PDB file of N, CA and C in Angstrom:
ATOM      1  N   MET A   1     -11.792   8.825  17.522  1.00  0.00           N
ATOM      2  CA  MET A   1     -12.523   7.363  17.570  1.00  0.00           C
ATOM      3  C   MET A   1     -12.456   6.537  16.658  1.00  0.00           C
ATOM      4  N   ILE A   2     -11.482   5.417  16.916  1.00  0.00           N
ATOM      5  CA  ILE A   2     -11.499   4.278  15.915  1.00  0.00           C
ATOM      6  C   ILE A   2     -12.598   3.571  15.276  1.00  0.00           C
ATOM      7  N   SER A   3     -12.531   4.080  13.716  1.00  0.00           N
ATOM      8  CA  SER A   3     -13.691   3.522  13.246  1.00  0.00           C
ATOM      9  C   SER A   3     -13.563   1.927  11.812  1.00  0.00           C
ATOM     10  N   GLY A   4     -12.173   1.598  12.359  1.00  0.00           N
ATOM     11  CA  GLY A   4     -11.738   0.906  11.508  1.00  0.00           C
ATOM     12  C   GLY A   4     -10.249   0.284  11.765  1.00  0.00           C
ATOM     13  N   ILE A   5     -10.010  -1.112  11.392  1.00  0.00           N
ATOM     14  CA  ILE A   5      -8.335  -1.531  11.734  1.00  0.00           C
ATOM     15  C   ILE A   5      -8.825  -2.452  10.445  1.00  0.00           C
ATOM     16  N   GLY A   6      -7.088  -2.516   9.777  1.00  0.00           N
ATOM     17  CA  GLY A   6      -7.026  -3.637   8.741  1.00  0.00           C
ATOM     18  C   GLY A   6      -5.831  -3.642   8.998  1.00  0.00           C
ATOM     19  N   LEU A   7      -5.505  -4.526   8.549  1.00  0.00           N
ATOM     20  CA  LEU A   7      -3.904  -5.813   8.749  1.00  0.00           C
ATOM     21  C   LEU A   7      -3.397  -6.396   7.726  1.00  0.00           C
ATOM     22  N   ASP A   8      -2.308  -6.496   6.964  1.00  0.00           N
ATOM     23  CA  ASP A   8      -1.907  -7.364   6.307  1.00  0.00           C
ATOM     24  C   ASP A   8      -0.462  -7.575   6.027  1.00  0.00           C
ATOM     25  N   ILE A   9      -0.518  -8.587   4.957  1.00  0.00           N
ATOM     26  CA  ILE A   9       1.190  -9.289   5.354  1.00  0.00           C
ATOM     27  C   ILE A   9       1.336 -10.135   4.001  1.00  0.00           C
ATOM     28  N   THR A  10       2.361 -10.012   3.496  1.00  0.00           N
ATOM     29  CA  THR A  10       2.684 -10.318   1.773  1.00  0.00           C
ATOM     30  C   THR A  10       4.082 -11.117   2.340  1.00  0.00           C
ATOM     31  N   GLU A  11       4.472 -11.868   1.037  1.00  0.00           N
ATOM     32  CA  GLU A  11       5.319 -11.916   1.153  1.00  0.00           C
ATOM     33  C   GLU A  11       6.172 -11.914  -0.214  1.00  0.00           C
ATOM     34  N   LEU A  12       7.763 -11.379   0.443  1.00  0.00           N
ATOM     35  CA  LEU A  12       8.045 -10.769  -0.605  1.00  0.00           C
ATOM     36  C   LEU A  12       8.917 -11.480  -2.113  1.00  0.00           C
ATOM     37  N   ASP A  13       9.147 -12.405  -1.959  1.00  0.00           N
ATOM     38  CA  ASP A  13       9.143 -13.552  -3.425  1.00  0.00           C
ATOM     39  C   ASP A  13       8.098 -13.474  -3.815  1.00  0.00           C
ATOM     40  N   ARG A  14       6.573 -13.213  -3.744  1.00  0.00           N
ATOM     41  CA  ARG A  14       5.668 -13.885  -4.655  1.00  0.00           C
ATOM     42  C   ARG A  14       5.275 -12.620  -4.927  1.00  0.00           C
ATOM     43  N   ILE A  15       5.593 -10.983  -4.374  1.00  0.00           N
ATOM     44  CA  ILE A  15       5.769 -10.154  -5.325  1.00  0.00           C
ATOM     45  C   ILE A  15       6.612  -9.684  -6.283  1.00  0.00           C
ATOM     46  N   ALA A  16       7.961 -10.460  -5.724  1.00  0.00           N
ATOM     47  CA  ALA A  16       9.301 -10.043  -7.105  1.00  0.00           C
ATOM     48  C   ALA A  16       9.286 -10.269  -8.555  1.00  0.00           C
ATOM     49  N   GLU A  17       8.574 -12.269  -7.899  1.00  0.00           N
ATOM     50  CA  GLU A  17       7.800 -13.151  -8.611  1.00  0.00           C
ATOM     51  C   GLU A  17       7.193 -11.989 -10.359  1.00  0.00           C
ATOM     52  N   LEU A  18       6.030 -12.286  -9.468  1.00  0.00           N
ATOM     53  CA  LEU A  18       5.242 -11.225 -10.309  1.00  0.00           C
ATOM     54  C   LEU A  18       5.387  -9.632 -11.081  1.00  0.00           C
ATOM     55  N   ASP A  19       6.606  -9.151 -10.271  1.00  0.00           N
ATOM     56  CA  ASP A  19       7.158  -7.771 -10.762  1.00  0.00           C
ATOM     57  C   ASP A  19       7.840  -7.824 -11.914  1.00  0.00           C
ATOM     58  N   ASN A  20       9.019  -9.399 -11.786  1.00  0.00           N
ATOM     59  CA  ASN A  20       9.824  -9.706 -12.507  1.00  0.00           C
ATOM     60  C   ASN A  20       9.270 -10.427 -13.949  1.00  0.00           C
ATOM     61  N   LYS A  21       8.065 -10.535 -13.695  1.00  0.00           N
ATOM     62  CA  LYS A  21       7.572 -11.326 -15.191  1.00  0.00           C
ATOM     63  C   LYS A  21       6.606 -10.301 -16.023  1.00  0.00           C
ATOM     64  N   SER A  22       6.279  -9.122 -15.602  1.00  0.00           N
ATOM     65  CA  SER A  22       5.726  -8.155 -16.190  1.00  0.00           C
ATOM     66  C   SER A  22       5.367  -6.690 -15.482  1.00  0.00           C
ATOM     67  N   ASP A  23       4.835  -5.956 -15.954  1.00  0.00           N
ATOM     68  CA  ASP A  23       4.765  -4.212 -15.295  1.00  0.00           C
ATOM     69  C   ASP A  23       3.239  -4.420 -14.652  1.00  0.00           C
ATOM     70  N   LYS A  24       2.100  -5.424 -15.559  1.00  0.00           N
ATOM     71  CA  LYS A  24       0.820  -5.765 -15.379  1.00  0.00           C
ATOM     72  C   LYS A  24       0.653  -5.637 -13.765  1.00  0.00           C
ATOM     73  N   PHE A  25       0.926  -6.558 -12.663  1.00  0.00           N
ATOM     74  CA  PHE A  25       0.835  -6.428 -11.491  1.00  0.00           C
ATOM     75  C   PHE A  25       1.413  -4.801 -10.715  1.00  0.00           C
ATOM     76  N   ARG A  26       2.044  -4.207 -11.193  1.00  0.00           N
ATOM     77  CA  ARG A  26       2.147  -2.725 -10.694  1.00  0.00           C
ATOM     78  C   ARG A  26       1.767  -1.765 -11.163  1.00  0.00           C
ATOM     79  N   ASN A  27       1.655  -2.228 -12.511  1.00  0.00           N
ATOM     80  CA  ASN A  27       0.194  -0.892 -12.935  1.00  0.00           C
ATOM     81  C   ASN A  27      -1.164  -1.067 -12.217  1.00  0.00           C
ATOM     82  N   ARG A  28      -1.628  -2.339 -11.809  1.00  0.00           N
ATOM     83  CA  ARG A  28      -2.710  -2.856 -10.850  1.00  0.00           C
ATOM     84  C   ARG A  28      -2.544  -2.772  -9.376  1.00  0.00           C
ATOM     85  N   ILE A  29      -1.696  -2.016  -9.458  1.00  0.00           N
ATOM     86  CA  ILE A  29      -1.334  -1.654  -7.326  1.00  0.00           C
ATOM     87  C   ILE A  29      -0.978  -0.802  -7.063  1.00  0.00           C
ATOM     88  N   LEU A  30      -0.193   0.224  -8.535  1.00  0.00           N
ATOM     89  CA  LEU A  30       0.628   1.295  -7.679  1.00  0.00           C
ATOM     90  C   LEU A  30       0.002   2.470  -8.627  1.00  0.00           C
ATOM     91  N   THR A  31      -0.444   3.525  -8.004  1.00  0.00           N
ATOM     92  CA  THR A  31      -0.843   4.468  -8.776  1.00  0.00           C
ATOM     93  C   THR A  31       0.265   5.033  -9.468  1.00  0.00           C
ATOM     94  N   THR A  32      -0.071   6.484 -10.249  1.00  0.00           N
ATOM     95  CA  THR A  32       1.406   6.716 -11.092  1.00  0.00           C
ATOM     96  C   THR A  32       1.990   7.521  -9.947  1.00  0.00           C
ATOM     97  N   GLU A  33       1.619   8.336  -9.445  1.00  0.00           N
ATOM     98  CA  GLU A  33       2.883   8.963  -8.443  1.00  0.00           C
ATOM     99  C   GLU A  33       3.241   8.299  -7.208  1.00  0.00           C
ATOM    100  N   GLU A  34       2.738   6.860  -7.245  1.00  0.00           N
ATOM    101  CA  GLU A  34       4.078   5.719  -6.479  1.00  0.00           C
ATOM    102  C   GLU A  34       4.732   5.157  -7.544  1.00  0.00           C
ATOM    103  N   GLN A  35       4.297   5.308  -8.650  1.00  0.00           N
ATOM    104  CA  GLN A  35       5.010   4.590  -9.523  1.00  0.00           C
ATOM    105  C   GLN A  35       6.206   5.908 -10.118  1.00  0.00           C
ATOM    106  N   GLN A  36       6.188   7.322  -9.729  1.00  0.00           N
ATOM    107  CA  GLN A  36       7.417   7.112  -9.685  1.00  0.00           C
ATOM    108  C   GLN A  36       8.283   7.616  -8.913  1.00  0.00           C
ATOM    109  N   TYR A  37       7.553   6.907  -7.116  1.00  0.00           N
ATOM    110  CA  TYR A  37       8.926   6.975  -6.461  1.00  0.00           C
ATOM    111  C   TYR A  37       9.299   5.496  -6.285  1.00  0.00           C
ATOM    112  N   TYR A  38       8.527   4.484  -7.342  1.00  0.00           N
ATOM    113  CA  TYR A  38       9.018   3.112  -7.038  1.00  0.00           C
ATOM    114  C   TYR A  38      10.164   3.257  -8.476  1.00  0.00           C
ATOM    115  N   GLN A  39      10.059   3.840  -9.632  1.00  0.00           N
ATOM    116  CA  GLN A  39      11.392   4.196 -10.211  1.00  0.00           C
ATOM    117  C   GLN A  39      12.674   4.487  -9.912  1.00  0.00           C
ATOM    118  N   LYS A  40      12.085   5.170  -8.895  1.00  0.00           N
ATOM    119  CA  LYS A  40      13.651   5.886  -8.091  1.00  0.00           C
ATOM    120  C   LYS A  40      13.934   5.077  -7.556  1.00  0.00           C
ATOM    121  N   LEU A  41      13.590   4.044  -7.044  1.00  0.00           N
ATOM    122  CA  LEU A  41      14.271   3.028  -6.142  1.00  0.00           C
ATOM    123  C   LEU A  41      15.261   1.696  -7.072  1.00  0.00           C
ATOM    124  N   SER A  42      16.005   1.090  -6.584  1.00  0.00           N
ATOM    125  CA  SER A  42      16.884  -0.475  -7.411  1.00  0.00           C
ATOM    126  C   SER A  42      17.215  -1.538  -6.686  1.00  0.00           C
ATOM    127  N   GLY A  43      17.248  -2.062  -7.448  1.00  0.00           N
ATOM    128  CA  GLY A  43      17.233  -3.670  -6.849  1.00  0.00           C
ATOM    129  C   GLY A  43      15.768  -4.208  -5.643  1.00  0.00           C
ATOM    130  N   HIS A  44      16.369  -4.963  -4.466  1.00  0.00           N
ATOM    131  CA  HIS A  44      15.890  -5.100  -3.189  1.00  0.00           C
ATOM    132  C   HIS A  44      14.574  -3.918  -3.204  1.00  0.00           C
ATOM    133  N   ARG A  45      14.636  -2.964  -2.972  1.00  0.00           N
ATOM    134  CA  ARG A  45      14.411  -1.928  -2.660  1.00  0.00           C
ATOM    135  C   ARG A  45      12.593  -1.685  -3.431  1.00  0.00           C
ATOM    136  N   ARG A  46      12.989  -1.974  -4.634  1.00  0.00           N
ATOM    137  CA  ARG A  46      11.917  -1.939  -5.005  1.00  0.00           C
ATOM    138  C   ARG A  46      10.449  -3.242  -4.964  1.00  0.00           C
ATOM    139  N   VAL A  47      11.037  -3.804  -4.733  1.00  0.00           N
ATOM    140  CA  VAL A  47      10.226  -4.878  -4.270  1.00  0.00           C
ATOM    141  C   VAL A  47       9.512  -4.580  -2.857  1.00  0.00           C
ATOM    142  N   GLU A  48      10.308  -4.100  -1.820  1.00  0.00           N
ATOM    143  CA  GLU A  48       9.752  -3.736  -0.677  1.00  0.00           C
ATOM    144  C   GLU A  48       8.924  -2.810  -1.089  1.00  0.00           C
ATOM    145  N   PHE A  49       9.324  -1.746  -1.794  1.00  0.00           N
ATOM    146  CA  PHE A  49       8.099  -0.645  -1.677  1.00  0.00           C
ATOM    147  C   PHE A  49       6.800  -1.169  -1.966  1.00  0.00           C
ATOM    148  N   LEU A  50       6.832  -2.190  -3.575  1.00  0.00           N
ATOM    149  CA  LEU A  50       5.630  -2.686  -3.936  1.00  0.00           C
ATOM    150  C   LEU A  50       4.880  -3.490  -2.660  1.00  0.00           C
ATOM    151  N   ALA A  51       5.828  -4.671  -2.482  1.00  0.00           N
ATOM    152  CA  ALA A  51       5.167  -5.332  -1.137  1.00  0.00           C
ATOM    153  C   ALA A  51       4.797  -4.328  -0.551  1.00  0.00           C
ATOM    154  N   GLY A  52       5.092  -3.455   0.070  1.00  0.00           N
ATOM    155  CA  GLY A  52       4.767  -2.545   1.246  1.00  0.00           C
ATOM    156  C   GLY A  52       3.053  -1.945   0.934  1.00  0.00           C
ATOM    157  N   ARG A  53       3.372  -1.425  -0.180  1.00  0.00           N
ATOM    158  CA  ARG A  53       2.112  -1.094  -0.764  1.00  0.00           C
ATOM    159  C   ARG A  53       0.963  -2.026  -0.799  1.00  0.00           C
ATOM    160  N   PHE A  54       1.327  -2.434  -1.438  1.00  0.00           N
ATOM    161  CA  PHE A  54       0.413  -3.975  -1.789  1.00  0.00           C
ATOM    162  C   PHE A  54      -0.348  -4.362  -0.073  1.00  0.00           C
ATOM    163  N   ALA A  55       0.258  -4.428   1.113  1.00  0.00           N
ATOM    164  CA  ALA A  55       0.055  -4.457   1.850  1.00  0.00           C
ATOM    165  C   ALA A  55      -0.657  -3.364   2.784  1.00  0.00           C
ATOM    166  N   ALA A  56      -0.254  -2.524   2.698  1.00  0.00           N
ATOM    167  CA  ALA A  56      -1.527  -1.525   3.330  1.00  0.00           C
ATOM    168  C   ALA A  56      -2.487  -1.530   2.230  1.00  0.00           C
ATOM    169  N   LYS A  57      -2.370  -1.250   1.159  1.00  0.00           N
ATOM    170  CA  LYS A  57      -3.596  -1.525   0.398  1.00  0.00           C
ATOM    171  C   LYS A  57      -4.715  -2.265   0.725  1.00  0.00           C
ATOM    172  N   GLU A  58      -4.575  -3.687   0.925  1.00  0.00           N
ATOM    173  CA  GLU A  58      -4.952  -4.675   1.357  1.00  0.00           C
ATOM    174  C   GLU A  58      -5.628  -3.901   2.774  1.00  0.00           C
ATOM    175  N   ALA A  59      -4.600  -3.316   3.640  1.00  0.00           N
ATOM    176  CA  ALA A  59      -5.079  -3.560   5.327  1.00  0.00           C
ATOM    177  C   ALA A  59      -6.226  -2.301   5.065  1.00  0.00           C
ATOM    178  N   TYR A  60      -5.933  -1.120   4.181  1.00  0.00           N
ATOM    179  CA  TYR A  60      -7.004   0.158   4.242  1.00  0.00           C
ATOM    180  C   TYR A  60      -8.504  -0.689   3.615  1.00  0.00           C
ATOM    181  N   ALA A  61      -8.384  -1.975   2.723  1.00  0.00           N
ATOM    182  CA  ALA A  61     -10.179  -1.997   2.363  1.00  0.00           C
ATOM    183  C   ALA A  61     -10.350  -2.348   3.464  1.00  0.00           C
ATOM    184  N   LYS A  62      -9.103  -3.420   4.083  1.00  0.00           N
ATOM    185  CA  LYS A  62     -10.670  -3.600   5.364  1.00  0.00           C
ATOM    186  C   LYS A  62     -10.789  -2.992   6.343  1.00  0.00           C
ATOM    187  N   ALA A  63      -9.685  -2.566   6.977  1.00  0.00           N
ATOM    188  CA  ALA A  63      -9.815  -1.498   7.376  1.00  0.00           C
ATOM    189  C   ALA A  63     -11.789  -0.391   7.236  1.00  0.00           C
ATOM    190  N   LEU A  64     -11.363  -0.308   6.244  1.00  0.00           N
ATOM    191  CA  LEU A  64     -12.847   0.331   5.289  1.00  0.00           C
ATOM    192  C   LEU A  64     -13.819  -0.323   5.389  1.00  0.00           C
ATOM    193  N   GLY A  65     -13.506  -1.547   5.449  1.00  0.00           N
ATOM    194  CA  GLY A  65     -14.634  -2.825   5.041  1.00  0.00           C
ATOM    195  C   GLY A  65     -15.315  -3.332   4.148  1.00  0.00           C
ATOM    196  N   THR A  66     -14.387  -2.199   3.457  1.00  0.00           N
ATOM    197  CA  THR A  66     -15.416  -3.017   2.241  1.00  0.00           C
ATOM    198  C   THR A  66     -14.626  -4.330   1.391  1.00  0.00           C
ATOM    199  N   GLY A  67     -12.619  -4.203   1.458  1.00  0.00           N
ATOM    200  CA  GLY A  67     -12.272  -5.025   0.462  1.00  0.00           C
ATOM    201  C   GLY A  67     -12.119  -4.481  -0.439  1.00  0.00           C
ATOM    202  N   ILE A  68     -10.664  -5.111  -1.291  1.00  0.00           N
ATOM    203  CA  ILE A  68     -10.430  -4.533  -2.661  1.00  0.00           C
ATOM    204  C   ILE A  68     -11.775  -4.994  -3.648  1.00  0.00           C
ATOM    205  N   GLY A  69     -12.357  -4.315  -3.819  1.00  0.00           N
ATOM    206  CA  GLY A  69     -13.735  -4.329  -5.112  1.00  0.00           C
ATOM    207  C   GLY A  69     -14.028  -3.399  -6.179  1.00  0.00           C
ATOM    208  N   PRO A  70     -15.296  -3.251  -6.415  1.00  0.00           N
ATOM    209  CA  PRO A  70     -15.743  -1.996  -7.371  1.00  0.00           C
ATOM    210  C   PRO A  70     -15.749  -0.635  -6.649  1.00  0.00           C
ATOM    211  N   THR A  71     -16.104  -0.978  -5.172  1.00  0.00           N
ATOM    212  CA  THR A  71     -16.248   0.295  -4.019  1.00  0.00           C
ATOM    213  C   THR A  71     -15.033   1.045  -3.955  1.00  0.00           C
ATOM    214  N   CYS A  72     -13.738   0.423  -4.115  1.00  0.00           N
ATOM    215  CA  CYS A  72     -12.265   0.050  -3.421  1.00  0.00           C
ATOM    216  C   CYS A  72     -11.419  -0.376  -4.722  1.00  0.00           C
ATOM    217  N   SER A  73     -10.657   0.538  -5.343  1.00  0.00           N
ATOM    218  CA  SER A  73      -9.516  -0.384  -6.257  1.00  0.00           C
ATOM    219  C   SER A  73      -8.536  -0.353  -5.366  1.00  0.00           C
ATOM    220  N   PHE A  74      -7.319  -0.542  -5.922  1.00  0.00           N
ATOM    221  CA  PHE A  74      -6.019  -0.448  -5.585  1.00  0.00           C
ATOM    222  C   PHE A  74      -5.665   0.962  -6.000  1.00  0.00           C
ATOM    223  N   LEU A  75      -5.657   1.245  -7.501  1.00  0.00           N
ATOM    224  CA  LEU A  75      -6.113   2.215  -7.383  1.00  0.00           C
ATOM    225  C   LEU A  75      -6.800   3.685  -6.798  1.00  0.00           C
ATOM    226  N   ASP A  76      -7.359   3.300  -6.162  1.00  0.00           N
ATOM    227  CA  ASP A  76      -7.754   4.546  -5.712  1.00  0.00           C
ATOM    228  C   ASP A  76      -7.490   5.076  -4.764  1.00  0.00           C
ATOM    229  N   ILE A  77      -6.514   4.099  -4.128  1.00  0.00           N
ATOM    230  CA  ILE A  77      -5.692   4.469  -2.780  1.00  0.00           C
ATOM    231  C   ILE A  77      -4.357   4.885  -3.204  1.00  0.00           C
ATOM    232  N   ALA A  78      -3.611   5.755  -2.710  1.00  0.00           N
ATOM    233  CA  ALA A  78      -2.473   6.457  -2.208  1.00  0.00           C
ATOM    234  C   ALA A  78      -1.442   6.157  -1.384  1.00  0.00           C
ATOM    235  N   ILE A  79      -0.640   5.824  -1.211  1.00  0.00           N
ATOM    236  CA  ILE A  79       0.358   5.850  -0.137  1.00  0.00           C
ATOM    237  C   ILE A  79       1.438   6.727  -0.248  1.00  0.00           C
ATOM    238  N   LEU A  80       1.766   7.714  -0.258  1.00  0.00           N
ATOM    239  CA  LEU A  80       2.242   8.591  -0.802  1.00  0.00           C
ATOM    240  C   LEU A  80       3.475   9.509   0.766  1.00  0.00           C
ATOM    241  N   PRO A  81       4.800   9.716   0.887  1.00  0.00           N
ATOM    242  CA  PRO A  81       5.347  10.277   2.085  1.00  0.00           C
ATOM    243  C   PRO A  81       4.793  11.730   2.123  1.00  0.00           C
ATOM    244  N   ASN A  82       4.209  11.830   3.663  1.00  0.00           N
ATOM    245  CA  ASN A  82       4.400  13.288   4.125  1.00  0.00           C
ATOM    246  C   ASN A  82       5.561  13.874   4.470  1.00  0.00           C
ATOM    247  N   GLU A  83       5.538  15.273   4.625  1.00  0.00           N
ATOM    248  CA  GLU A  83       7.099  16.107   4.563  1.00  0.00           C
ATOM    249  C   GLU A  83       7.904  15.368   5.280  1.00  0.00           C
ATOM    250  N   LYS A  84       7.588  14.401   6.269  1.00  0.00           N
ATOM    251  CA  LYS A  84       8.407  13.390   7.120  1.00  0.00           C
ATOM    252  C   LYS A  84       9.308  12.569   6.532  1.00  0.00           C
ATOM    253  N   GLY A  85       8.277  12.144   4.897  1.00  0.00           N
ATOM    254  CA  GLY A  85       8.845  10.621   4.987  1.00  0.00           C
ATOM    255  C   GLY A  85       8.027   9.724   4.967  1.00  0.00           C
ATOM    256  N   ALA A  86       7.323   9.698   6.003  1.00  0.00           N
ATOM    257  CA  ALA A  86       5.903   8.771   6.972  1.00  0.00           C
ATOM    258  C   ALA A  86       5.402   8.399   5.460  1.00  0.00           C
ATOM    259  N   PRO A  87       4.373   7.111   5.628  1.00  0.00           N
ATOM    260  CA  PRO A  87       3.502   7.199   4.551  1.00  0.00           C
ATOM    261  C   PRO A  87       2.124   7.652   5.112  1.00  0.00           C
ATOM    262  N   PHE A  88       1.587   8.263   4.178  1.00  0.00           N
ATOM    263  CA  PHE A  88       0.298   8.655   4.182  1.00  0.00           C
ATOM    264  C   PHE A  88      -0.412   8.403   3.097  1.00  0.00           C
ATOM    265  N   LEU A  89      -2.237   8.366   3.767  1.00  0.00           N
ATOM    266  CA  LEU A  89      -2.863   7.647   2.765  1.00  0.00           C
ATOM    267  C   LEU A  89      -3.838   8.842   2.222  1.00  0.00           C
ATOM    268  N   TYR A  90      -4.203   8.489   1.256  1.00  0.00           N
ATOM    269  CA  TYR A  90      -5.158   8.686   0.225  1.00  0.00           C
ATOM    270  C   TYR A  90      -6.289   8.119  -0.382  1.00  0.00           C
ATOM    271  N   PHE A  91      -7.010   8.525  -0.308  1.00  0.00           N
ATOM    272  CA  PHE A  91      -8.256   7.440  -1.114  1.00  0.00           C
ATOM    273  C   PHE A  91      -9.385   8.487  -1.707  1.00  0.00           C
ATOM    274  N   LYS A  92      -8.867   7.968  -3.297  1.00  0.00           N
ATOM    275  CA  LYS A  92      -9.966   8.551  -4.056  1.00  0.00           C
ATOM    276  C   LYS A  92      -9.676  10.152  -4.450  1.00  0.00           C
ATOM    277  N   GLY A  93      -8.411  10.630  -4.542  1.00  0.00           N
ATOM    278  CA  GLY A  93      -7.546  11.989  -4.243  1.00  0.00           C
ATOM    279  C   GLY A  93      -7.758  12.946  -3.156  1.00  0.00           C
ATOM    280  N   LYS A  94      -8.822  12.597  -1.591  1.00  0.00           N
ATOM    281  CA  LYS A  94      -8.794  12.899  -0.358  1.00  0.00           C
ATOM    282  C   LYS A  94      -8.054  12.186   0.439  1.00  0.00           C
ATOM    283  N   ALA A  95      -7.150  12.965   1.562  1.00  0.00           N
ATOM    284  CA  ALA A  95      -6.230  12.108   2.713  1.00  0.00           C
ATOM    285  C   ALA A  95      -7.145  11.587   3.569  1.00  0.00           C
ATOM    286  N   VAL A  96      -7.345  10.832   4.208  1.00  0.00           N
ATOM    287  CA  VAL A  96      -7.725   9.635   4.842  1.00  0.00           C
ATOM    288  C   VAL A  96      -7.658   9.970   6.007  1.00  0.00           C
ATOM    289  N   ASP A  97      -8.174  10.385   7.410  1.00  0.00           N
ATOM    290  CA  ASP A  97      -8.368  10.510   8.919  1.00  0.00           C
ATOM    291  C   ASP A  97      -7.661   9.567   9.370  1.00  0.00           C
ATOM    292  N   GLY A  98      -6.936   9.010   9.680  1.00  0.00           N
ATOM    293  CA  GLY A  98      -6.657   7.747  10.058  1.00  0.00           C
ATOM    294  C   GLY A  98      -4.330   7.573   9.655  1.00  0.00           C
ATOM    295  N   PHE A  99      -3.782   6.438   9.893  1.00  0.00           N
ATOM    296  CA  PHE A  99      -2.604   5.774   9.987  1.00  0.00           C
ATOM    297  C   PHE A  99      -2.723   4.754   9.530  1.00  0.00           C
ATOM    298  N   VAL A 100      -1.418   4.950   8.651  1.00  0.00           N
ATOM    299  CA  VAL A 100      -0.882   3.898   8.033  1.00  0.00           C
ATOM    300  C   VAL A 100       0.425   3.604   8.874  1.00  0.00           C
ATOM    301  N   SER A 101       0.606   2.171   8.485  1.00  0.00           N
ATOM    302  CA  SER A 101       2.293   1.835   9.240  1.00  0.00           C
ATOM    303  C   SER A 101       2.722   0.263   8.346  1.00  0.00           C
ATOM    304  N   ILE A 102       4.219   0.849   8.226  1.00  0.00           N
ATOM    305  CA  ILE A 102       4.644  -0.380   6.922  1.00  0.00           C
ATOM    306  C   ILE A 102       6.243  -0.773   6.914  1.00  0.00           C
ATOM    307  N   THR A 103       6.157  -1.692   7.408  1.00  0.00           N
ATOM    308  CA  THR A 103       6.967  -2.873   7.431  1.00  0.00           C
ATOM    309  C   THR A 103       7.698  -3.705   6.899  1.00  0.00           C
ATOM    310  N   HIS A 104       9.272  -4.544   6.951  1.00  0.00           N
ATOM    311  CA  HIS A 104       9.538  -5.286   6.038  1.00  0.00           C
ATOM    312  C   HIS A 104      10.816  -5.475   6.966  1.00  0.00           C
ATOM    313  N   THR A 105      10.368  -7.267   6.587  1.00  0.00           N
ATOM    314  CA  THR A 105      11.405  -8.038   6.559  1.00  0.00           C
ATOM    315  C   THR A 105      12.503  -8.614   5.848  1.00  0.00           C
ATOM    316  N   LYS A 106      13.412  -9.476   6.023  1.00  0.00           N
ATOM    317  CA  LYS A 106      13.702 -10.088   4.451  1.00  0.00           C
ATOM    318  C   LYS A 106      12.705 -10.501   3.537  1.00  0.00           C
ATOM    319  N   LYS A 107      11.904 -11.523   4.106  1.00  0.00           N
ATOM    320  CA  LYS A 107      10.884 -12.601   3.519  1.00  0.00           C
ATOM    321  C   LYS A 107       9.478 -11.358   3.755  1.00  0.00           C
ATOM    322  N   VAL A 108       9.321 -10.419   4.229  1.00  0.00           N
ATOM    323  CA  VAL A 108       7.980 -10.181   4.209  1.00  0.00           C
ATOM    324  C   VAL A 108       7.293  -9.022   4.053  1.00  0.00           C
ATOM    325  N   ALA A 109       6.571  -8.485   4.006  1.00  0.00           N
ATOM    326  CA  ALA A 109       5.789  -7.397   4.217  1.00  0.00           C
ATOM    327  C   ALA A 109       5.029  -6.712   4.616  1.00  0.00           C
ATOM    328  N   ALA A 110       4.571  -5.994   5.649  1.00  0.00           N
ATOM    329  CA  ALA A 110       3.535  -6.421   6.883  1.00  0.00           C
ATOM    330  C   ALA A 110       2.831  -4.248   6.618  1.00  0.00           C
ATOM    331  N   ALA A 111       1.465  -4.634   6.699  1.00  0.00           N
ATOM    332  CA  ALA A 111       1.078  -3.153   6.711  1.00  0.00           C
ATOM    333  C   ALA A 111       0.027  -3.500   7.583  1.00  0.00           C
ATOM    334  N   GLN A 112      -0.267  -1.894   8.669  1.00  0.00           N
ATOM    335  CA  GLN A 112      -1.906  -1.790   9.422  1.00  0.00           C
ATOM    336  C   GLN A 112      -2.607  -0.313   9.305  1.00  0.00           C
ATOM    337  N   VAL A 113      -3.149  -0.611   8.850  1.00  0.00           N
ATOM    338  CA  VAL A 113      -3.989   0.902   9.036  1.00  0.00           C
ATOM    339  C   VAL A 113      -5.137   1.065   9.912  1.00  0.00           C
ATOM    340  N   ILE A 114      -5.085   2.222  10.734  1.00  0.00           N
ATOM    341  CA  ILE A 114      -5.920   2.195  12.129  1.00  0.00           C
ATOM    342  C   ILE A 114      -6.860   3.762  11.128  1.00  0.00           C
ATOM    343  N   LEU A 115      -8.616   3.675  11.074  1.00  0.00           N
ATOM    344  CA  LEU A 115      -8.850   5.125  10.573  1.00  0.00           C
ATOM    345  C   LEU A 115      -9.622   5.342  11.617  1.00  0.00           C
ATOM    346  N   GLN A 116     -10.024   6.597  11.618  1.00  0.00           N
ATOM    347  CA  GLN A 116     -10.653   7.822  12.469  1.00  0.00           C
ATOM    348  C   GLN A 116     -12.003   7.920  12.283  1.00  0.00           C
ATOM    349  N   LYS A 117     -12.638   8.120  13.185  1.00  0.00           N
ATOM    350  CA  LYS A 117     -14.058   9.079  12.975  1.00  0.00           C
ATOM    351  C   LYS A 117     -13.932  10.049  14.039  1.00  0.00           C
ATOM    352  N   MET A 118     -14.418  10.850  13.280  1.00  0.00           N
ATOM    353  CA  MET A 118     -14.742  12.503  14.014  1.00  0.00           C
ATOM    354  C   MET A 118     -16.062  12.348  15.170  1.00  0.00           C
TER     355      MET A 118
END
């Protein structure tokens, strides 16, 4: 049974501008494990990765019904590849019962999260 749905879209130029300014935004958004993946990327792929994770975390917080805040911070949420390379959600270190999809165009990244309840 679906317990929540979230959707978010963000402009790549906005994320690139923030990331080029300093690492402050990136450190606020990406967990240590996610930053390890980010560091392996180069050029525009880094911007896509960061924007995709930002959108997915916003979408998760919307699906959860809390938004980003004291009960759900960006660093509470991790999106790491599963054994097939697809993104998989974790919240406060525990696997989330749900789905995340991340996509990019030349200008935007978008993500959708669907949460399930047993």
